[in-house]
Amino acid sequence: MNSKISKILKVEIKSLWKRFDLIWNLQPDVNILSGINGSGKSTILDCIACLVSLGGLPKKSSKLIQSVKVVFDNGKFILFEQINDTIKNLELKAKTNPKYKNIISDLKDKEGSDYKKIRDVSFGITSFNDLKMTIEELRSLIKVNVISTFDNVIREIGRRPDENVKTELDRDIFSLQKQYLDYQLNIGKKAFEIVTQNNGQSQEEVLNIKKQQERFLEIIDNLFKDTDKKINRKKNEIVFVSGTDEITAYQLSSGEKQILVILLTVLVQDNKPSIIFMDEPEISLHFDWQKKLIGYIKEINPNTQIILATHSPAVIMEGWRDKVSDVRDLITNDRQKSKK
């Protein structure tokens, strides 16, 4: 693969709830999906996010949908299809279509010579327009971040990587702390290279490299000022001070953890093109934080494509109304009405 991916151009969904066909033409910067409760916002977002990040759909979603196709700005696409067919039909299709040839081959590997005894086949498959590509190669072309906004307790002790990790947001923070250290090392290396190559006369360029990190620290300090918390600049990891007290990121409130996870996820991409998915990011966030959220994300990394679903008017208040798509406006075909 020789062509990087920067954005998702279009999403095509067939037979959502065995009823609706949809097409969503995405904008390169911000995309906000709206709709009443039960309109399918979360299902649509979950299908797109899982397909591009995991290479497939979870069982609960795959049963609600016939196919999902995600088209990228380099012309490539990834396609999930729910296959419901007979062995005989699949073998006929395999004669002219490599995708179905691979399906038959997989069935032979799993079932041996008994595969022909199977009457009906029902399963989901993922394919690419370049059949040689894998989900790992897709990940090498674009960074995809799926941010959970729910601070659920992790009940299984074995799933906690550290004794301080008690919730899902804690687990995100644990992972991001490591990524933040790597990010600092990378920008430190860039700064060192500039200084050595320019005989030390490069202060402005060095400051520019660190600009995003400094802005991130300023934003977090500003958001947390009402609770008298500031990031400790003397530490390499994210630690806060309040007066003379030190506060770890795990000790923050759910809303504080959530905004920290979102903005830190964006920062550690180091200005590279990336896609970020968020379902109802307003959960636990103060009204003023909701209004500023998208602006802060774009400020920290202008190369991030945001794809989110929300109920909150506050999220779109500061200049994002033209980025909103209502689920009803994406419907190209209602199969129930077509039958009448």
Protein backbone atom coordinates (compact mmCIF):
# COMPACT_ATOMS: atom_id res chain seq x y z
CA MET A 1 0.00 0.00 0.00
CA ASN A 2 1.54 3.31 -1.00
CA SER A 3 -1.19 5.81 -0.31
CA LYS A 4 -1.84 7.12 3.17
CA ILE A 5 -5.32 7.79 4.49
CA SER A 6 -6.24 11.13 6.04
CA LYS A 7 -10.03 11.02 6.20
CA ILE A 8 -13.19 9.00 5.68
CA LEU A 9 -15.10 10.31 2.67
CA LYS A 10 -18.32 8.31 2.75
CA VAL A 11 -20.22 5.63 4.64
CA GLU A 12 -22.85 3.42 3.00
CA ILE A 13 -25.12 1.25 5.14
CA LYS A 14 -27.63 -1.24 3.79
CA SER A 15 -30.66 -2.61 5.61
CA LEU A 16 -30.24 -1.07 9.05
CA TRP A 17 -32.82 -2.91 11.18
CA LYS A 18 -33.74 -4.72 7.92
CA ARG A 19 -35.33 -1.48 6.81
CA PHE A 20 -33.16 1.56 6.05
CA ASP A 21 -30.40 2.19 3.49
CA LEU A 22 -28.23 5.21 4.34
CA ILE A 23 -25.42 7.23 2.79
CA TRP A 24 -23.37 9.64 4.91
CA ASN A 25 -20.98 11.93 3.01
CA LEU A 26 -18.48 13.06 5.60
CA GLN A 27 -16.70 16.38 5.89
CA PRO A 28 -12.90 16.36 6.35
CA ASP A 29 -12.89 18.12 9.70
CA VAL A 30 -16.02 17.71 11.86
CA ASN A 31 -19.06 15.43 11.53
CA ILE A 32 -21.89 15.42 14.06
CA LEU A 33 -24.67 12.85 13.90
CA SER A 34 -27.97 13.85 15.51
CA GLY A 35 -31.40 12.33 15.87
CA ILE A 36 -34.09 11.45 18.36
CA ASN A 37 -33.70 8.56 20.79
CA GLY A 38 -33.94 5.26 18.94
CA SER A 39 -33.07 6.78 15.55
CA GLY A 40 -29.89 4.68 15.29
CA LYS A 41 -27.14 7.23 16.02
CA SER A 42 -25.15 5.00 18.34
CA THR A 43 -25.62 1.91 16.16
CA ILE A 44 -24.38 3.76 13.06
CA LEU A 45 -21.38 5.24 14.88
CA ASP A 46 -20.52 1.90 16.51
CA CYS A 47 -20.63 0.09 13.15
CA ILE A 48 -18.29 2.59 11.49
CA ALA A 49 -15.86 2.77 14.41
CA CYS A 50 -15.65 -1.01 14.88
CA LEU A 51 -15.19 -1.67 11.18
CA VAL A 52 -12.25 0.73 10.72
CA SER A 53 -10.59 0.00 14.07
CA LEU A 54 -11.24 -3.73 14.53
CA GLY A 55 -11.93 -4.92 11.00
CA GLY A 56 -15.41 -6.20 11.74
CA LEU A 57 -18.64 -5.66 13.64
CA PRO A 58 -19.59 -6.99 17.06
CA LYS A 59 -22.28 -9.70 16.96
CA LYS A 60 -24.98 -7.45 18.40
CA SER A 61 -24.43 -4.88 15.61
CA SER A 62 -23.88 -7.34 12.76
CA LYS A 63 -27.35 -8.78 13.33
CA LEU A 64 -28.89 -5.31 12.86
CA ILE A 65 -27.38 -4.61 9.49
CA GLN A 66 -26.79 -6.15 6.06
CA SER A 67 -23.63 -4.28 5.10
CA VAL A 68 -21.40 -1.33 5.98
CA LYS A 69 -18.96 0.21 3.50
CA VAL A 70 -16.44 2.87 4.56
CA VAL A 71 -14.70 4.77 1.73
CA PHE A 72 -11.42 6.59 2.43
CA ASP A 73 -9.86 9.60 0.73
CA ASN A 74 -7.20 7.46 -0.99
CA GLY A 75 -9.85 5.54 -2.90
CA LYS A 76 -9.63 2.44 -0.72
CA PHE A 77 -12.60 1.05 1.16
CA ILE A 78 -13.39 -1.54 3.79
CA LEU A 79 -16.65 -3.50 3.53
CA PHE A 80 -18.52 -5.65 6.03
CA GLU A 81 -21.29 -7.91 4.75
CA GLN A 82 -23.66 -10.23 6.53
CA ILE A 83 -23.73 -13.38 4.37
CA ASN A 84 -26.90 -15.48 4.39
CA ASP A 85 -26.75 -18.02 1.58
CA THR A 86 -26.51 -21.69 0.61
CA ILE A 87 -23.29 -23.59 -0.07
CA LYS A 88 -24.42 -24.18 -3.64
CA ASN A 89 -24.90 -20.46 -4.35
CA LEU A 90 -21.60 -19.59 -2.68
CA GLU A 91 -19.74 -22.11 -4.84
CA LEU A 92 -21.30 -20.61 -7.98
CA LYS A 93 -20.25 -17.11 -6.93
CA ALA A 94 -16.75 -18.38 -6.07
CA LYS A 95 -16.13 -19.18 -9.75
CA THR A 96 -15.99 -15.49 -10.65
CA ASN A 97 -15.46 -13.66 -7.35
CA PRO A 98 -12.24 -14.08 -5.27
CA LYS A 99 -14.07 -13.01 -2.12
CA TYR A 100 -16.45 -15.98 -2.30
CA LYS A 101 -13.59 -18.26 -3.29
CA ASN A 102 -11.92 -17.32 0.00
CA ILE A 103 -15.17 -18.04 1.88
CA ILE A 104 -15.40 -21.55 0.41
CA SER A 105 -11.71 -22.11 1.17
CA ASP A 106 -12.22 -21.09 4.81
CA LEU A 107 -15.25 -23.38 5.11
CA LYS A 108 -13.23 -26.29 3.73
CA ASP A 109 -10.47 -25.60 6.29
CA LYS A 110 -12.97 -25.56 9.15
CA GLU A 111 -15.35 -28.33 8.11
CA GLY A 112 -13.21 -30.54 5.88
CA SER A 113 -15.03 -32.66 3.31
CA ASP A 114 -18.26 -32.27 5.31
CA TYR A 115 -18.59 -28.61 4.31
CA LYS A 116 -21.04 -29.48 1.52
CA LYS A 117 -23.44 -30.94 4.07
CA ILE A 118 -24.02 -27.46 5.46
CA ARG A 119 -27.33 -26.21 4.08
CA ASP A 120 -27.47 -22.53 5.00
CA VAL A 121 -24.54 -20.27 5.82
CA SER A 122 -24.90 -17.19 7.99
CA PHE A 123 -21.88 -15.12 9.07
CA GLY A 124 -20.23 -11.76 8.62
CA ILE A 125 -17.14 -11.12 6.50
CA THR A 126 -14.88 -8.14 5.98
CA SER A 127 -13.19 -7.38 2.68
CA PHE A 128 -11.20 -4.57 1.07
CA ASN A 129 -11.20 -3.28 -2.48
CA ASP A 130 -7.57 -4.37 -2.42
CA LEU A 131 -8.01 -7.97 -1.27
CA LYS A 132 -4.36 -8.17 -0.27
CA MET A 133 -4.84 -5.55 2.43
CA THR A 134 -5.43 -6.58 6.04
CA ILE A 135 -6.76 -4.68 9.04
CA GLU A 136 -3.16 -4.35 10.26
CA GLU A 137 -2.20 -2.63 7.01
CA LEU A 138 -5.21 -0.36 7.32
CA ARG A 139 -4.03 0.61 10.82
CA SER A 140 -0.64 1.50 9.35
CA LEU A 141 -2.34 3.93 6.96
CA ILE A 142 -4.46 5.84 9.50
CA LYS A 143 -4.70 6.18 13.27
CA VAL A 144 -8.24 5.59 14.54
CA ASN A 145 -9.27 6.46 18.09
CA VAL A 146 -12.54 5.28 19.60
CA ILE A 147 -13.11 7.13 22.88
CA SER A 148 -15.50 5.75 25.45
CA THR A 149 -17.38 8.42 27.38
CA PHE A 150 -18.73 6.10 30.08
CA ASP A 151 -16.72 5.65 33.29
CA ASN A 152 -17.84 2.08 34.00
CA VAL A 153 -16.25 0.17 36.87
CA ILE A 154 -13.92 -2.68 35.84
CA ARG A 155 -15.20 -5.53 37.97
CA GLU A 156 -12.67 -8.16 36.90
CA ILE A 157 -9.45 -7.53 38.83
CA GLY A 158 -7.44 -9.33 36.13
CA ARG A 159 -8.43 -6.68 33.57
CA ARG A 160 -6.84 -3.89 35.61
CA PRO A 161 -3.26 -3.14 34.49
CA ASP A 162 -2.50 -1.25 37.72
CA GLU A 163 -3.90 -1.04 41.24
CA ASN A 164 -5.00 2.56 40.60
CA VAL A 165 -7.06 1.49 37.58
CA LYS A 166 -10.62 0.92 38.74
CA THR A 167 -12.73 2.21 35.83
CA GLU A 168 -12.61 2.24 32.03
CA LEU A 169 -11.48 5.87 31.97
CA ASP A 170 -8.72 4.95 34.44
CA ARG A 171 -7.57 2.28 32.00
CA ASP A 172 -7.52 4.85 29.19
CA ILE A 173 -5.49 7.21 31.37
CA PHE A 174 -3.02 4.42 32.20
CA SER A 175 -2.44 3.76 28.49
CA LEU A 176 -2.27 7.44 27.59
CA GLN A 177 0.34 8.18 30.28
CA LYS A 178 2.72 5.83 28.45
CA GLN A 179 1.85 7.38 25.09
CA TYR A 180 2.41 10.85 26.57
CA LEU A 181 5.94 9.87 27.65
CA ASP A 182 6.67 8.60 24.13
CA TYR A 183 5.23 11.81 22.68
CA GLN A 184 7.55 13.93 24.85
CA LEU A 185 10.55 11.84 23.81
CA ASN A 186 9.65 12.32 20.16
CA ILE A 187 9.29 16.08 20.34
CA GLY A 188 12.49 16.21 22.41
CA LYS A 189 14.33 14.36 19.65
CA LYS A 190 12.92 16.72 17.02
CA ALA A 191 14.03 19.74 19.04
CA PHE A 192 17.53 18.29 19.52
CA GLU A 193 17.91 17.61 15.79
CA ILE A 194 16.89 21.18 14.93
CA VAL A 195 19.34 22.67 17.45
CA THR A 196 22.27 20.53 16.29
CA GLN A 197 21.57 21.09 12.59
CA ASN A 198 21.27 24.87 12.97
CA ASN A 199 24.18 25.49 15.33
CA GLY A 200 21.88 26.43 18.17
CA GLN A 201 20.20 29.29 16.26
CA SER A 202 16.74 27.75 16.17
CA GLN A 203 14.80 28.83 19.23
CA GLU A 204 11.67 29.74 17.26
CA GLU A 205 11.56 26.36 15.52
CA VAL A 206 12.00 24.53 18.82
CA LEU A 207 9.20 26.55 20.41
CA ASN A 208 6.98 25.71 17.44
CA ILE A 209 7.55 21.98 17.98
CA LYS A 210 6.49 22.31 21.61
CA LYS A 211 3.60 24.65 20.80
CA GLN A 212 0.92 21.95 20.76
CA GLN A 213 2.00 20.50 24.09
CA GLU A 214 2.07 23.92 25.74
CA ARG A 215 -1.38 24.72 24.40
CA PHE A 216 -2.71 21.38 25.72
CA LEU A 217 -1.34 22.18 29.20
CA GLU A 218 -2.86 25.67 29.09
CA ILE A 219 -6.27 24.30 28.06
CA ILE A 220 -6.35 21.69 30.83
CA ASP A 221 -5.27 24.26 33.43
CA ASN A 222 -7.98 26.64 32.23
CA LEU A 223 -10.66 23.92 32.35
CA PHE A 224 -9.68 22.85 35.85
CA LYS A 225 -9.07 26.30 37.35
CA ASP A 226 -12.44 26.40 39.16
CA THR A 227 -11.37 23.39 41.23
CA ASP A 228 -7.90 24.86 41.76
CA LYS A 229 -5.99 22.16 39.87
CA LYS A 230 -2.98 22.65 37.61
CA ILE A 231 -0.77 20.19 35.76
CA ASN A 232 2.60 19.84 37.47
CA ARG A 233 5.06 20.96 34.78
CA LYS A 234 7.96 19.39 36.69
CA LYS A 235 6.67 15.86 36.12
CA ASN A 236 6.92 13.91 32.87
CA GLU A 237 3.58 12.20 33.42
CA ILE A 238 0.23 13.94 33.92
CA VAL A 239 0.02 14.83 37.62
CA PHE A 240 -1.89 17.73 39.17
CA VAL A 241 -1.23 20.07 42.06
CA SER A 242 -3.80 21.86 44.16
CA GLY A 243 -2.19 24.16 46.66
CA THR A 244 0.46 21.96 48.27
CA ASP A 245 -1.35 18.71 47.45
CA GLU A 246 -0.47 16.39 44.58
CA ILE A 247 -3.38 14.76 42.76
CA THR A 248 -3.05 11.86 40.34
CA ALA A 249 -5.14 11.67 37.18
CA TYR A 250 -6.96 8.68 38.71
CA GLN A 251 -8.26 10.92 41.52
CA LEU A 252 -10.07 13.30 39.17
CA SER A 253 -13.85 13.39 38.80
CA SER A 254 -15.47 11.46 35.94
CA GLY A 255 -15.94 14.65 33.92
CA GLU A 256 -12.33 15.72 34.47
CA LYS A 257 -11.05 12.27 33.48
CA GLN A 258 -13.21 12.32 30.37
CA ILE A 259 -12.00 15.68 29.05
CA LEU A 260 -8.40 14.72 29.89
CA VAL A 261 -8.69 11.42 27.98
CA ILE A 262 -10.21 13.11 24.92
CA LEU A 263 -7.67 15.93 24.66
CA LEU A 264 -4.66 13.79 25.57
CA THR A 265 -5.67 11.23 22.92
CA VAL A 266 -5.65 14.04 20.36
CA LEU A 267 -2.32 15.48 21.57
CA VAL A 268 -0.28 12.26 21.41
CA GLN A 269 -1.07 11.92 17.68
CA ASP A 270 1.57 14.65 17.31
CA ASN A 271 -0.31 16.56 14.59
CA LYS A 272 -0.59 13.49 12.34
CA PRO A 273 -3.85 12.80 10.45
CA SER A 274 -6.19 10.74 12.61
CA ILE A 275 -9.86 9.93 13.05
CA ILE A 276 -11.59 10.19 16.40
CA PHE A 277 -14.97 8.62 17.20
CA MET A 278 -17.05 9.72 20.20
CA ASP A 279 -20.56 8.67 21.18
CA GLU A 280 -22.31 11.29 23.31
CA PRO A 281 -19.11 13.01 24.52
CA GLU A 282 -21.26 15.39 26.59
CA ILE A 283 -21.70 12.66 29.23
CA SER A 284 -20.30 14.03 32.54
CA LEU A 285 -19.05 17.25 30.92
CA HIS A 286 -19.98 20.68 32.24
CA PHE A 287 -22.08 22.80 29.84
CA ASP A 288 -19.17 25.21 29.16
CA TRP A 289 -16.83 22.29 28.47
CA GLN A 290 -19.31 20.85 25.97
CA LYS A 291 -19.32 24.13 24.04
CA LYS A 292 -15.51 24.28 23.85
CA LEU A 293 -14.84 20.58 23.18
CA ILE A 294 -14.67 20.51 19.36
CA GLY A 295 -12.74 23.77 19.17
CA TYR A 296 -10.12 22.51 21.62
CA ILE A 297 -9.71 19.23 19.71
CA LYS A 298 -9.15 21.05 16.42
CA GLU A 299 -6.76 23.47 18.10
CA ILE A 300 -4.57 20.70 19.54
CA ASN A 301 -4.55 18.71 16.28
CA PRO A 302 -6.05 20.42 13.21
CA ASN A 303 -5.49 17.18 11.24
CA THR A 304 -8.03 15.20 13.26
CA GLN A 305 -11.31 14.20 11.62
CA ILE A 306 -14.00 14.19 14.30
CA ILE A 307 -16.98 11.85 13.99
CA LEU A 308 -19.43 11.97 16.87
CA ALA A 309 -23.04 11.43 17.86
CA THR A 310 -24.68 13.74 20.36
CA HIS A 311 -27.92 14.84 21.98
CA SER A 312 -26.42 18.07 23.31
CA PRO A 313 -27.09 21.42 21.62
CA ALA A 314 -24.11 22.83 23.53
CA VAL A 315 -21.61 20.71 21.57
CA ILE A 316 -22.55 22.48 18.30
CA MET A 317 -23.12 25.98 19.68
CA GLU A 318 -19.75 27.52 18.89
CA GLY A 319 -19.77 27.40 15.09
CA TRP A 320 -20.48 23.74 14.28
CA ARG A 321 -24.15 23.78 13.23
CA ASP A 322 -23.29 23.27 9.57
CA LYS A 323 -21.47 20.05 10.51
CA VAL A 324 -24.64 18.35 11.79
CA SER A 325 -26.36 15.53 9.89
CA ASP A 326 -29.70 14.19 11.06
CA VAL A 327 -30.11 10.43 10.71
CA ARG A 328 -33.40 10.95 8.85
CA ASP A 329 -31.62 12.99 6.16
CA LEU A 330 -29.15 10.17 5.49
CA ILE A 331 -31.85 7.63 4.57
CA THR A 332 -31.87 6.86 0.85
CA ASN A 333 -34.36 4.00 0.96
CA ASP A 334 -37.04 2.77 3.38
CA ARG A 335 -37.66 -0.85 2.45
CA GLN A 336 -40.97 -0.93 4.27
CA LYS A 337 -42.31 1.97 2.19
CA SER A 338 -40.85 0.48 -1.00
CA LYS A 339 -42.96 -2.67 -0.52
CA LYS A 340 -46.19 -0.70 -0.40
